[in-house]
PDB file of N, CA and C in Angstrom:
ATOM      1  N   MET A   1     -15.175 -16.699   4.471  1.00  0.00           N
ATOM      2  CA  MET A   1     -15.182 -15.255   4.318  1.00  0.00           C
ATOM      3  C   MET A   1     -15.302 -14.603   5.693  1.00  0.00           C
ATOM      4  N   ILE A   2     -14.646 -13.496   5.878  1.00  0.00           N
ATOM      5  CA  ILE A   2     -14.651 -12.764   7.144  1.00  0.00           C
ATOM      6  C   ILE A   2     -15.986 -12.027   7.295  1.00  0.00           C
ATOM      7  N   LYS A   3     -16.578 -12.133   8.482  1.00  0.00           N
ATOM      8  CA  LYS A   3     -17.881 -11.511   8.709  1.00  0.00           C
ATOM      9  C   LYS A   3     -17.780 -10.004   8.891  1.00  0.00           C
ATOM     10  N   SER A   4     -16.629  -9.513   9.343  1.00  0.00           N
ATOM     11  CA  SER A   4     -16.499  -8.072   9.594  1.00  0.00           C
ATOM     12  C   SER A   4     -15.847  -7.380   8.400  1.00  0.00           C
ATOM     13  N   ASN A   5     -16.354  -7.689   7.211  1.00  0.00           N
ATOM     14  CA  ASN A   5     -15.795  -7.094   6.001  1.00  0.00           C
ATOM     15  C   ASN A   5     -15.859  -5.573   6.007  1.00  0.00           C
ATOM     16  N   ASP A   6     -16.890  -4.997   6.609  1.00  0.00           N
ATOM     17  CA  ASP A   6     -17.006  -3.539   6.650  1.00  0.00           C
ATOM     18  C   ASP A   6     -15.815  -2.922   7.370  1.00  0.00           C
ATOM     19  N   LYS A   7     -15.378  -3.566   8.429  1.00  0.00           N
ATOM     20  CA  LYS A   7     -14.211  -3.083   9.179  1.00  0.00           C
ATOM     21  C   LYS A   7     -12.988  -3.029   8.265  1.00  0.00           C
ATOM     22  N   TYR A   8     -12.751  -4.107   7.519  1.00  0.00           N
ATOM     23  CA  TYR A   8     -11.577  -4.165   6.649  1.00  0.00           C
ATOM     24  C   TYR A   8     -11.723  -3.243   5.446  1.00  0.00           C
ATOM     25  N   ARG A   9     -12.930  -3.135   4.921  1.00  0.00           N
ATOM     26  CA  ARG A   9     -13.173  -2.212   3.811  1.00  0.00           C
ATOM     27  C   ARG A   9     -12.850  -0.788   4.252  1.00  0.00           C
ATOM     28  N   THR A  10     -13.295  -0.416   5.443  1.00  0.00           N
ATOM     29  CA  THR A  10     -13.013   0.917   5.967  1.00  0.00           C
ATOM     30  C   THR A  10     -11.515   1.122   6.151  1.00  0.00           C
ATOM     31  N   MET A  11     -10.836   0.124   6.708  1.00  0.00           N
ATOM     32  CA  MET A  11      -9.382   0.221   6.900  1.00  0.00           C
ATOM     33  C   MET A  11      -8.679   0.414   5.561  1.00  0.00           C
ATOM     34  N   LEU A  12      -9.077  -0.370   4.568  1.00  0.00           N
ATOM     35  CA  LEU A  12      -8.433  -0.298   3.255  1.00  0.00           C
ATOM     36  C   LEU A  12      -8.710   1.034   2.566  1.00  0.00           C
ATOM     37  N   LEU A  13      -9.945   1.498   2.628  1.00  0.00           N
ATOM     38  CA  LEU A  13     -10.293   2.764   1.983  1.00  0.00           C
ATOM     39  C   LEU A  13      -9.621   3.949   2.669  1.00  0.00           C
ATOM     40  N   THR A  14      -9.503   3.893   3.993  1.00  0.00           N
ATOM     41  CA  THR A  14      -8.815   4.953   4.728  1.00  0.00           C
ATOM     42  C   THR A  14      -7.347   5.013   4.329  1.00  0.00           C
ATOM     43  N   ARG A  15      -6.712   3.852   4.279  1.00  0.00           N
ATOM     44  CA  ARG A  15      -5.298   3.804   3.882  1.00  0.00           C
ATOM     45  C   ARG A  15      -5.121   4.260   2.440  1.00  0.00           C
ATOM     46  N   LEU A  16      -6.038   3.884   1.560  1.00  0.00           N
ATOM     47  CA  LEU A  16      -5.982   4.306   0.165  1.00  0.00           C
ATOM     48  C   LEU A  16      -6.054   5.833   0.063  1.00  0.00           C
ATOM     49  N   SER A  17      -6.910   6.436   0.837  1.00  0.00           N
ATOM     50  CA  SER A  17      -7.038   7.893   0.856  1.00  0.00           C
ATOM     51  C   SER A  17      -5.754   8.547   1.370  1.00  0.00           C
ATOM     52  N   GLU A  18      -5.171   7.979   2.430  1.00  0.00           N
ATOM     53  CA  GLU A  18      -3.912   8.509   2.970  1.00  0.00           C
ATOM     54  C   GLU A  18      -2.807   8.440   1.917  1.00  0.00           C
ATOM     55  N   LEU A  19      -2.715   7.306   1.242  1.00  0.00           N
ATOM     56  CA  LEU A  19      -1.681   7.135   0.215  1.00  0.00           C
ATOM     57  C   LEU A  19      -1.892   8.100  -0.945  1.00  0.00           C
ATOM     58  N   ASP A  20      -3.142   8.294  -1.334  1.00  0.00           N
ATOM     59  CA  ASP A  20      -3.446   9.215  -2.420  1.00  0.00           C
ATOM     60  C   ASP A  20      -2.978  10.626  -2.066  1.00  0.00           C
ATOM     61  N   SER A  21      -3.260  11.065  -0.857  1.00  0.00           N
ATOM     62  CA  SER A  21      -2.825  12.391  -0.413  1.00  0.00           C
ATOM     63  C   SER A  21      -1.304  12.486  -0.389  1.00  0.00           C
ATOM     64  N   ARG A  22      -0.664  11.439   0.125  1.00  0.00           N
ATOM     65  CA  ARG A  22       0.796  11.439   0.209  1.00  0.00           C
ATOM     66  C   ARG A  22       1.426  11.479  -1.179  1.00  0.00           C
ATOM     67  N   LEU A  23       0.869  10.700  -2.111  1.00  0.00           N
ATOM     68  CA  LEU A  23       1.437  10.674  -3.462  1.00  0.00           C
ATOM     69  C   LEU A  23       1.254  12.013  -4.171  1.00  0.00           C
ATOM     70  N   HIS A  24       0.139  12.679  -3.937  1.00  0.00           N
ATOM     71  CA  HIS A  24      -0.046  14.011  -4.521  1.00  0.00           C
ATOM     72  C   HIS A  24       0.981  14.990  -3.956  1.00  0.00           C
ATOM     73  N   SER A  25       1.263  14.883  -2.669  1.00  0.00           N
ATOM     74  CA  SER A  25       2.273  15.746  -2.052  1.00  0.00           C
ATOM     75  C   SER A  25       3.654  15.469  -2.633  1.00  0.00           C
ATOM     76  N   ILE A  26       3.961  14.194  -2.831  1.00  0.00           N
ATOM     77  CA  ILE A  26       5.253  13.820  -3.412  1.00  0.00           C
ATOM     78  C   ILE A  26       5.373  14.361  -4.832  1.00  0.00           C
ATOM     79  N   GLU A  27       4.309  14.213  -5.621  1.00  0.00           N
ATOM     80  CA  GLU A  27       4.326  14.730  -6.990  1.00  0.00           C
ATOM     81  C   GLU A  27       4.535  16.233  -7.007  1.00  0.00           C
ATOM     82  N   THR A  28       3.867  16.941  -6.109  1.00  0.00           N
ATOM     83  CA  THR A  28       4.014  18.390  -6.033  1.00  0.00           C
ATOM     84  C   THR A  28       5.453  18.756  -5.689  1.00  0.00           C
ATOM     85  N   GLU A  29       6.028  18.047  -4.735  1.00  0.00           N
ATOM     86  CA  GLU A  29       7.413  18.313  -4.330  1.00  0.00           C
ATOM     87  C   GLU A  29       8.384  18.024  -5.474  1.00  0.00           C
ATOM     88  N   LEU A  30       8.161  16.930  -6.179  1.00  0.00           N
ATOM     89  CA  LEU A  30       9.056  16.578  -7.291  1.00  0.00           C
ATOM     90  C   LEU A  30       8.939  17.551  -8.464  1.00  0.00           C
ATOM     91  N   ASP A  31       7.797  18.210  -8.592  1.00  0.00           N
ATOM     92  CA  ASP A  31       7.600  19.171  -9.676  1.00  0.00           C
ATOM     93  C   ASP A  31       8.273  20.518  -9.414  1.00  0.00           C
ATOM     94  N   GLN A  32       8.758  20.733  -8.188  1.00  0.00           N
ATOM     95  CA  GLN A  32       9.409  21.993  -7.858  1.00  0.00           C
ATOM     96  C   GLN A  32      10.740  22.097  -8.604  1.00  0.00           C
ATOM     97  N   PRO A  33      11.065  23.285  -9.113  1.00  0.00           N
ATOM     98  CA  PRO A  33      12.358  23.440  -9.810  1.00  0.00           C
ATOM     99  C   PRO A  33      13.526  23.281  -8.846  1.00  0.00           C
ATOM    100  N   ASN A  34      14.602  22.691  -9.352  1.00  0.00           N
ATOM    101  CA  ASN A  34      15.803  22.513  -8.536  1.00  0.00           C
ATOM    102  C   ASN A  34      16.589  23.816  -8.457  1.00  0.00           C
ATOM    103  N   SER A  35      17.385  23.930  -7.411  1.00  0.00           N
ATOM    104  CA  SER A  35      18.234  25.091  -7.188  1.00  0.00           C
ATOM    105  C   SER A  35      19.332  25.146  -8.245  1.00  0.00           C
ATOM    106  N   LYS A  36      19.793  26.355  -8.534  1.00  0.00           N
ATOM    107  CA  LYS A  36      20.903  26.501  -9.481  1.00  0.00           C
ATOM    108  C   LYS A  36      22.248  26.347  -8.785  1.00  0.00           C
ATOM    109  N   ASP A  37      22.264  26.406  -7.472  1.00  0.00           N
ATOM    110  CA  ASP A  37      23.487  26.196  -6.704  1.00  0.00           C
ATOM    111  C   ASP A  37      23.822  24.711  -6.723  1.00  0.00           C
ATOM    112  N   TRP A  38      25.050  24.363  -7.087  1.00  0.00           N
ATOM    113  CA  TRP A  38      25.449  22.958  -7.247  1.00  0.00           C
ATOM    114  C   TRP A  38      25.265  22.148  -5.971  1.00  0.00           C
ATOM    115  N   ASP A  39      25.715  22.698  -4.845  1.00  0.00           N
ATOM    116  CA  ASP A  39      25.600  21.964  -3.582  1.00  0.00           C
ATOM    117  C   ASP A  39      24.137  21.726  -3.206  1.00  0.00           C
ATOM    118  N   GLU A  40      23.341  22.768  -3.329  1.00  0.00           N
ATOM    119  CA  GLU A  40      21.916  22.621  -3.011  1.00  0.00           C
ATOM    120  C   GLU A  40      21.231  21.676  -3.992  1.00  0.00           C
ATOM    121  N   ALA A  41      21.612  21.747  -5.259  1.00  0.00           N
ATOM    122  CA  ALA A  41      21.020  20.870  -6.274  1.00  0.00           C
ATOM    123  C   ALA A  41      21.338  19.411  -5.973  1.00  0.00           C
ATOM    124  N   ALA A  42      22.553  19.130  -5.510  1.00  0.00           N
ATOM    125  CA  ALA A  42      22.932  17.754  -5.178  1.00  0.00           C
ATOM    126  C   ALA A  42      22.068  17.224  -4.036  1.00  0.00           C
ATOM    127  N   VAL A  43      21.871  18.050  -3.017  1.00  0.00           N
ATOM    128  CA  VAL A  43      21.033  17.646  -1.879  1.00  0.00           C
ATOM    129  C   VAL A  43      19.596  17.452  -2.338  1.00  0.00           C
ATOM    130  N   GLU A  44      19.110  18.352  -3.188  1.00  0.00           N
ATOM    131  CA  GLU A  44      17.738  18.236  -3.700  1.00  0.00           C
ATOM    132  C   GLU A  44      17.572  16.974  -4.533  1.00  0.00           C
ATOM    133  N   ASN A  45      18.591  16.634  -5.330  1.00  0.00           N
ATOM    134  CA  ASN A  45      18.518  15.410  -6.141  1.00  0.00           C
ATOM    135  C   ASN A  45      18.437  14.173  -5.256  1.00  0.00           C
ATOM    136  N   GLU A  46      19.198  14.156  -4.170  1.00  0.00           N
ATOM    137  CA  GLU A  46      19.119  13.031  -3.231  1.00  0.00           C
ATOM    138  C   GLU A  46      17.726  12.950  -2.628  1.00  0.00           C
ATOM    139  N   GLY A  47      17.185  14.096  -2.259  1.00  0.00           N
ATOM    140  CA  GLY A  47      15.832  14.138  -1.706  1.00  0.00           C
ATOM    141  C   GLY A  47      14.802  13.653  -2.719  1.00  0.00           C
ATOM    142  N   ASP A  48      15.002  14.040  -3.979  1.00  0.00           N
ATOM    143  CA  ASP A  48      14.083  13.601  -5.034  1.00  0.00           C
ATOM    144  C   ASP A  48      14.125  12.085  -5.198  1.00  0.00           C
ATOM    145  N   GLU A  49      15.313  11.497  -5.083  1.00  0.00           N
ATOM    146  CA  GLU A  49      15.430  10.040  -5.200  1.00  0.00           C
ATOM    147  C   GLU A  49      14.656   9.343  -4.085  1.00  0.00           C
ATOM    148  N   VAL A  50      14.752   9.885  -2.884  1.00  0.00           N
ATOM    149  CA  VAL A  50      14.005   9.315  -1.751  1.00  0.00           C
ATOM    150  C   VAL A  50      12.508   9.452  -1.997  1.00  0.00           C
ATOM    151  N   LEU A  51      12.088  10.620  -2.458  1.00  0.00           N
ATOM    152  CA  LEU A  51      10.667  10.833  -2.735  1.00  0.00           C
ATOM    153  C   LEU A  51      10.168   9.880  -3.824  1.00  0.00           C
ATOM    154  N   GLU A  52      10.977   9.668  -4.846  1.00  0.00           N
ATOM    155  CA  GLU A  52      10.581   8.747  -5.915  1.00  0.00           C
ATOM    156  C   GLU A  52      10.428   7.324  -5.382  1.00  0.00           C
ATOM    157  N   GLN A  53      11.337   6.920  -4.492  1.00  0.00           N
ATOM    158  CA  GLN A  53      11.225   5.585  -3.888  1.00  0.00           C
ATOM    159  C   GLN A  53       9.967   5.480  -3.042  1.00  0.00           C
ATOM    160  N   LEU A  54       9.681   6.528  -2.276  1.00  0.00           N
ATOM    161  CA  LEU A  54       8.449   6.535  -1.477  1.00  0.00           C
ATOM    162  C   LEU A  54       7.220   6.471  -2.381  1.00  0.00           C
ATOM    163  N   GLY A  55       7.273   7.178  -3.494  1.00  0.00           N
ATOM    164  CA  GLY A  55       6.167   7.152  -4.445  1.00  0.00           C
ATOM    165  C   GLY A  55       5.961   5.770  -5.037  1.00  0.00           C
ATOM    166  N   GLN A  56       7.054   5.097  -5.397  1.00  0.00           N
ATOM    167  CA  GLN A  56       6.947   3.748  -5.951  1.00  0.00           C
ATOM    168  C   GLN A  56       6.395   2.777  -4.909  1.00  0.00           C
ATOM    169  N   SER A  57       6.865   2.910  -3.688  1.00  0.00           N
ATOM    170  CA  SER A  57       6.365   2.058  -2.608  1.00  0.00           C
ATOM    171  C   SER A  57       4.866   2.301  -2.393  1.00  0.00           C
ATOM    172  N   GLY A  58       4.471   3.560  -2.433  1.00  0.00           N
ATOM    173  CA  GLY A  58       3.060   3.902  -2.287  1.00  0.00           C
ATOM    174  C   GLY A  58       2.217   3.329  -3.414  1.00  0.00           C
ATOM    175  N   GLN A  59       2.732   3.372  -4.637  1.00  0.00           N
ATOM    176  CA  GLN A  59       2.003   2.806  -5.774  1.00  0.00           C
ATOM    177  C   GLN A  59       1.827   1.302  -5.613  1.00  0.00           C
ATOM    178  N   GLN A  60       2.852   0.635  -5.114  1.00  0.00           N
ATOM    179  CA  GLN A  60       2.756  -0.809  -4.886  1.00  0.00           C
ATOM    180  C   GLN A  60       1.709  -1.126  -3.821  1.00  0.00           C
ATOM    181  N   GLU A  61       1.698  -0.315  -2.755  1.00  0.00           N
ATOM    182  CA  GLU A  61       0.701  -0.540  -1.703  1.00  0.00           C
ATOM    183  C   GLU A  61      -0.712  -0.274  -2.227  1.00  0.00           C
ATOM    184  N   ILE A  62      -0.857   0.741  -3.062  1.00  0.00           N
ATOM    185  CA  ILE A  62      -2.166   1.028  -3.655  1.00  0.00           C
ATOM    186  C   ILE A  62      -2.641  -0.163  -4.479  1.00  0.00           C
ATOM    187  N   ALA A  63      -1.749  -0.768  -5.238  1.00  0.00           N
ATOM    188  CA  ALA A  63      -2.120  -1.942  -6.040  1.00  0.00           C
ATOM    189  C   ALA A  63      -2.575  -3.090  -5.143  1.00  0.00           C
ATOM    190  N   ARG A  64      -1.871  -3.289  -4.017  1.00  0.00           N
ATOM    191  CA  ARG A  64      -2.271  -4.358  -3.086  1.00  0.00           C
ATOM    192  C   ARG A  64      -3.638  -4.059  -2.466  1.00  0.00           C
ATOM    193  N   ILE A  65      -3.883  -2.798  -2.134  1.00  0.00           N
ATOM    194  CA  ILE A  65      -5.164  -2.411  -1.536  1.00  0.00           C
ATOM    195  C   ILE A  65      -6.294  -2.598  -2.542  1.00  0.00           C
ATOM    196  N   ARG A  66      -6.069  -2.189  -3.779  1.00  0.00           N
ATOM    197  CA  ARG A  66      -7.111  -2.356  -4.802  1.00  0.00           C
ATOM    198  C   ARG A  66      -7.417  -3.833  -5.028  1.00  0.00           C
ATOM    199  N   ALA A  67      -6.380  -4.668  -4.994  1.00  0.00           N
ATOM    200  CA  ALA A  67      -6.591  -6.118  -5.144  1.00  0.00           C
ATOM    201  C   ALA A  67      -7.405  -6.655  -3.963  1.00  0.00           C
ATOM    202  N   ALA A  68      -7.121  -6.161  -2.757  1.00  0.00           N
ATOM    203  CA  ALA A  68      -7.875  -6.599  -1.578  1.00  0.00           C
ATOM    204  C   ALA A  68      -9.331  -6.148  -1.670  1.00  0.00           C
ATOM    205  N   LEU A  69      -9.563  -4.920  -2.138  1.00  0.00           N
ATOM    206  CA  LEU A  69     -10.932  -4.443  -2.308  1.00  0.00           C
ATOM    207  C   LEU A  69     -11.672  -5.270  -3.358  1.00  0.00           C
ATOM    208  N   LYS A  70     -10.971  -5.689  -4.394  1.00  0.00           N
ATOM    209  CA  LYS A  70     -11.573  -6.562  -5.409  1.00  0.00           C
ATOM    210  C   LYS A  70     -11.960  -7.904  -4.783  1.00  0.00           C
ATOM    211  N   ARG A  71     -11.069  -8.447  -3.928  1.00  0.00           N
ATOM    212  CA  ARG A  71     -11.399  -9.714  -3.256  1.00  0.00           C
ATOM    213  C   ARG A  71     -12.622  -9.543  -2.353  1.00  0.00           C
ATOM    214  N   LEU A  72     -12.738  -8.387  -1.715  1.00  0.00           N
ATOM    215  CA  LEU A  72     -13.923  -8.114  -0.891  1.00  0.00           C
ATOM    216  C   LEU A  72     -15.186  -8.147  -1.755  1.00  0.00           C
ATOM    217  N   ARG A  73     -15.130  -7.482  -2.909  1.00  0.00           N
ATOM    218  CA  ARG A  73     -16.304  -7.455  -3.804  1.00  0.00           C
ATOM    219  C   ARG A  73     -16.645  -8.848  -4.315  1.00  0.00           C
ATOM    220  N   GLU A  74     -15.620  -9.653  -4.567  1.00  0.00           N
ATOM    221  CA  GLU A  74     -15.838 -10.983  -5.137  1.00  0.00           C
ATOM    222  C   GLU A  74     -16.155 -12.045  -4.087  1.00  0.00           C
ATOM    223  N   GLY A  75     -16.010 -11.683  -2.809  1.00  0.00           N
ATOM    224  CA  GLY A  75     -16.322 -12.623  -1.744  1.00  0.00           C
ATOM    225  C   GLY A  75     -15.193 -13.561  -1.366  1.00  0.00           C
ATOM    226  N   SER A  76     -13.987 -13.293  -1.835  1.00  0.00           N
ATOM    227  CA  SER A  76     -12.853 -14.170  -1.503  1.00  0.00           C
ATOM    228  C   SER A  76     -11.893 -13.529  -0.511  1.00  0.00           C
ATOM    229  N   TYR A  77     -12.264 -12.379   0.037  1.00  0.00           N
ATOM    230  CA  TYR A  77     -11.398 -11.705   1.004  1.00  0.00           C
ATOM    231  C   TYR A  77     -11.272 -12.550   2.265  1.00  0.00           C
ATOM    232  N   GLY A  78     -10.057 -12.616   2.792  1.00  0.00           N
ATOM    233  CA  GLY A  78      -9.821 -13.366   4.015  1.00  0.00           C
ATOM    234  C   GLY A  78      -9.515 -14.833   3.767  1.00  0.00           C
ATOM    235  N   ILE A  79      -9.441 -15.220   2.500  1.00  0.00           N
ATOM    236  CA  ILE A  79      -9.090 -16.590   2.126  1.00  0.00           C
ATOM    237  C   ILE A  79      -7.729 -16.523   1.429  1.00  0.00           C
ATOM    238  N   CYS A  80      -6.796 -17.354   1.863  1.00  0.00           N
ATOM    239  CA  CYS A  80      -5.447 -17.357   1.299  1.00  0.00           C
ATOM    240  C   CYS A  80      -5.503 -17.673  -0.196  1.00  0.00           C
ATOM    241  N   ALA A  81      -4.862 -16.831  -0.985  1.00  0.00           N
ATOM    242  CA  ALA A  81      -4.844 -17.007  -2.436  1.00  0.00           C
ATOM    243  C   ALA A  81      -4.011 -18.219  -2.858  1.00  0.00           C
ATOM    244  N   ARG A  82      -3.146 -18.687  -1.980  1.00  0.00           N
ATOM    245  CA  ARG A  82      -2.296 -19.826  -2.326  1.00  0.00           C
ATOM    246  C   ARG A  82      -2.897 -21.154  -1.886  1.00  0.00           C
ATOM    247  N   CYS A  83      -3.235 -21.274  -0.594  1.00  0.00           N
ATOM    248  CA  CYS A  83      -3.675 -22.583  -0.074  1.00  0.00           C
ATOM    249  C   CYS A  83      -5.180 -22.690   0.134  1.00  0.00           C
ATOM    250  N   GLY A  84      -5.886 -21.557   0.149  1.00  0.00           N
ATOM    251  CA  GLY A  84      -7.334 -21.585   0.322  1.00  0.00           C
ATOM    252  C   GLY A  84      -7.803 -21.613   1.760  1.00  0.00           C
ATOM    253  N   ASP A  85      -6.868 -21.619   2.713  1.00  0.00           N
ATOM    254  CA  ASP A  85      -7.239 -21.578   4.128  1.00  0.00           C
ATOM    255  C   ASP A  85      -7.629 -20.158   4.526  1.00  0.00           C
ATOM    256  N   PRO A  86      -8.404 -20.021   5.600  1.00  0.00           N
ATOM    257  CA  PRO A  86      -8.738 -18.677   6.079  1.00  0.00           C
ATOM    258  C   PRO A  86      -7.494 -17.945   6.584  1.00  0.00           C
ATOM    259  N   ILE A  87      -7.467 -16.639   6.354  1.00  0.00           N
ATOM    260  CA  ILE A  87      -6.418 -15.782   6.910  1.00  0.00           C
ATOM    261  C   ILE A  87      -6.920 -15.313   8.260  1.00  0.00           C
ATOM    262  N   SER A  88      -6.083 -15.420   9.277  1.00  0.00           N
ATOM    263  CA  SER A  88      -6.528 -15.087  10.633  1.00  0.00           C
ATOM    264  C   SER A  88      -6.920 -13.611  10.735  1.00  0.00           C
ATOM    265  N   PRO A  89      -7.961 -13.316  11.519  1.00  0.00           N
ATOM    266  CA  PRO A  89      -8.348 -11.920  11.727  1.00  0.00           C
ATOM    267  C   PRO A  89      -7.198 -11.098  12.316  1.00  0.00           C
ATOM    268  N   GLU A  90      -6.367 -11.722  13.139  1.00  0.00           N
ATOM    269  CA  GLU A  90      -5.225 -11.000  13.721  1.00  0.00           C
ATOM    270  C   GLU A  90      -4.268 -10.532  12.617  1.00  0.00           C
ATOM    271  N   ARG A  91      -4.049 -11.392  11.632  1.00  0.00           N
ATOM    272  CA  ARG A  91      -3.175 -11.023  10.506  1.00  0.00           C
ATOM    273  C   ARG A  91      -3.829  -9.923   9.663  1.00  0.00           C
ATOM    274  N   LEU A  92      -5.127 -10.048   9.398  1.00  0.00           N
ATOM    275  CA  LEU A  92      -5.825  -9.038   8.611  1.00  0.00           C
ATOM    276  C   LEU A  92      -5.894  -7.697   9.335  1.00  0.00           C
ATOM    277  N   ASP A  93      -5.938  -7.726  10.666  1.00  0.00           N
ATOM    278  CA  ASP A  93      -5.947  -6.475  11.426  1.00  0.00           C
ATOM    279  C   ASP A  93      -4.646  -5.702  11.222  1.00  0.00           C
ATOM    280  N   VAL A  94      -3.543  -6.433  11.043  1.00  0.00           N
ATOM    281  CA  VAL A  94      -2.227  -5.803  10.858  1.00  0.00           C
ATOM    282  C   VAL A  94      -1.957  -5.525   9.375  1.00  0.00           C
ATOM    283  N   LEU A  95      -2.322  -6.465   8.526  1.00  0.00           N
ATOM    284  CA  LEU A  95      -2.078  -6.376   7.080  1.00  0.00           C
ATOM    285  C   LEU A  95      -3.382  -6.606   6.319  1.00  0.00           C
ATOM    286  N   PRO A  96      -4.277  -5.629   6.322  1.00  0.00           N
ATOM    287  CA  PRO A  96      -5.591  -5.867   5.708  1.00  0.00           C
ATOM    288  C   PRO A  96      -5.536  -6.120   4.203  1.00  0.00           C
ATOM    289  N   ASP A  97      -4.409  -5.794   3.561  1.00  0.00           N
ATOM    290  CA  ASP A  97      -4.315  -6.019   2.114  1.00  0.00           C
ATOM    291  C   ASP A  97      -3.639  -7.338   1.749  1.00  0.00           C
ATOM    292  N   THR A  98      -3.286  -8.147   2.754  1.00  0.00           N
ATOM    293  CA  THR A  98      -2.566  -9.385   2.466  1.00  0.00           C
ATOM    294  C   THR A  98      -3.439 -10.420   1.754  1.00  0.00           C
ATOM    295  N   PRO A  99      -2.887 -11.076   0.714  1.00  0.00           N
ATOM    296  CA  PRO A  99      -3.627 -12.150   0.064  1.00  0.00           C
ATOM    297  C   PRO A  99      -3.237 -13.530   0.594  1.00  0.00           C
ATOM    298  N   LEU A 100      -2.273 -13.568   1.519  1.00  0.00           N
ATOM    299  CA  LEU A 100      -1.725 -14.844   1.981  1.00  0.00           C
ATOM    300  C   LEU A 100      -1.868 -15.037   3.486  1.00  0.00           C
ATOM    301  N   CYS A 101      -2.100 -16.274   3.875  1.00  0.00           N
ATOM    302  CA  CYS A 101      -2.096 -16.610   5.298  1.00  0.00           C
ATOM    303  C   CYS A 101      -0.650 -16.560   5.802  1.00  0.00           C
ATOM    304  N   ARG A 102      -0.485 -16.635   7.103  1.00  0.00           N
ATOM    305  CA  ARG A 102       0.836 -16.543   7.703  1.00  0.00           C
ATOM    306  C   ARG A 102       1.767 -17.644   7.191  1.00  0.00           C
ATOM    307  N   THR A 103       1.264 -18.848   7.090  1.00  0.00           N
ATOM    308  CA  THR A 103       2.080 -19.990   6.643  1.00  0.00           C
ATOM    309  C   THR A 103       2.590 -19.797   5.228  1.00  0.00           C
ATOM    310  N   CYS A 104       1.699 -19.423   4.322  1.00  0.00           N
ATOM    311  CA  CYS A 104       2.107 -19.238   2.922  1.00  0.00           C
ATOM    312  C   CYS A 104       3.024 -18.015   2.762  1.00  0.00           C
ATOM    313  N   ALA A 105       2.785 -16.959   3.528  1.00  0.00           N
ATOM    314  CA  ALA A 105       3.649 -15.788   3.456  1.00  0.00           C
ATOM    315  C   ALA A 105       5.062 -16.123   3.950  1.00  0.00           C
ATOM    316  N   ALA A 106       5.148 -16.950   4.981  1.00  0.00           N
ATOM    317  CA  ALA A 106       6.457 -17.346   5.514  1.00  0.00           C
ATOM    318  C   ALA A 106       7.205 -18.247   4.547  1.00  0.00           C
ATOM    319  N   ALA A 107       6.474 -18.969   3.681  1.00  0.00           N
ATOM    320  CA  ALA A 107       7.098 -19.881   2.724  1.00  0.00           C
ATOM    321  C   ALA A 107       7.737 -19.121   1.555  1.00  0.00           C
ATOM    322  N   ASN A 108       7.397 -17.853   1.389  1.00  0.00           N
ATOM    323  CA  ASN A 108       7.968 -17.065   0.283  1.00  0.00           C
ATOM    324  C   ASN A 108       9.413 -16.830   0.486  1.00  0.00           C
TER     325      ASN A 108
END
């Protein structure tokens, strides 16, 4: 288990808060009525598709963060879910929500 769990917990909670704010903004934007002008409506529809993709990506990241926070609570954070080896602190610094060590992630 990683000794600096507080550092990673803070990183994960900060990112979770950022994603929550971003998703609320996306929802607000998607709730706006579309223009009645055909050309503007087409552009708005394209923008809505991008926003929906960003929202889905954000939801996936939120799920990964919640899973990482659960591993922190259970004491298995920083241990590869596949092979059981420790995940390097360097990897966790970049991807604090990762459940896999570098070797197992590369094998995917």
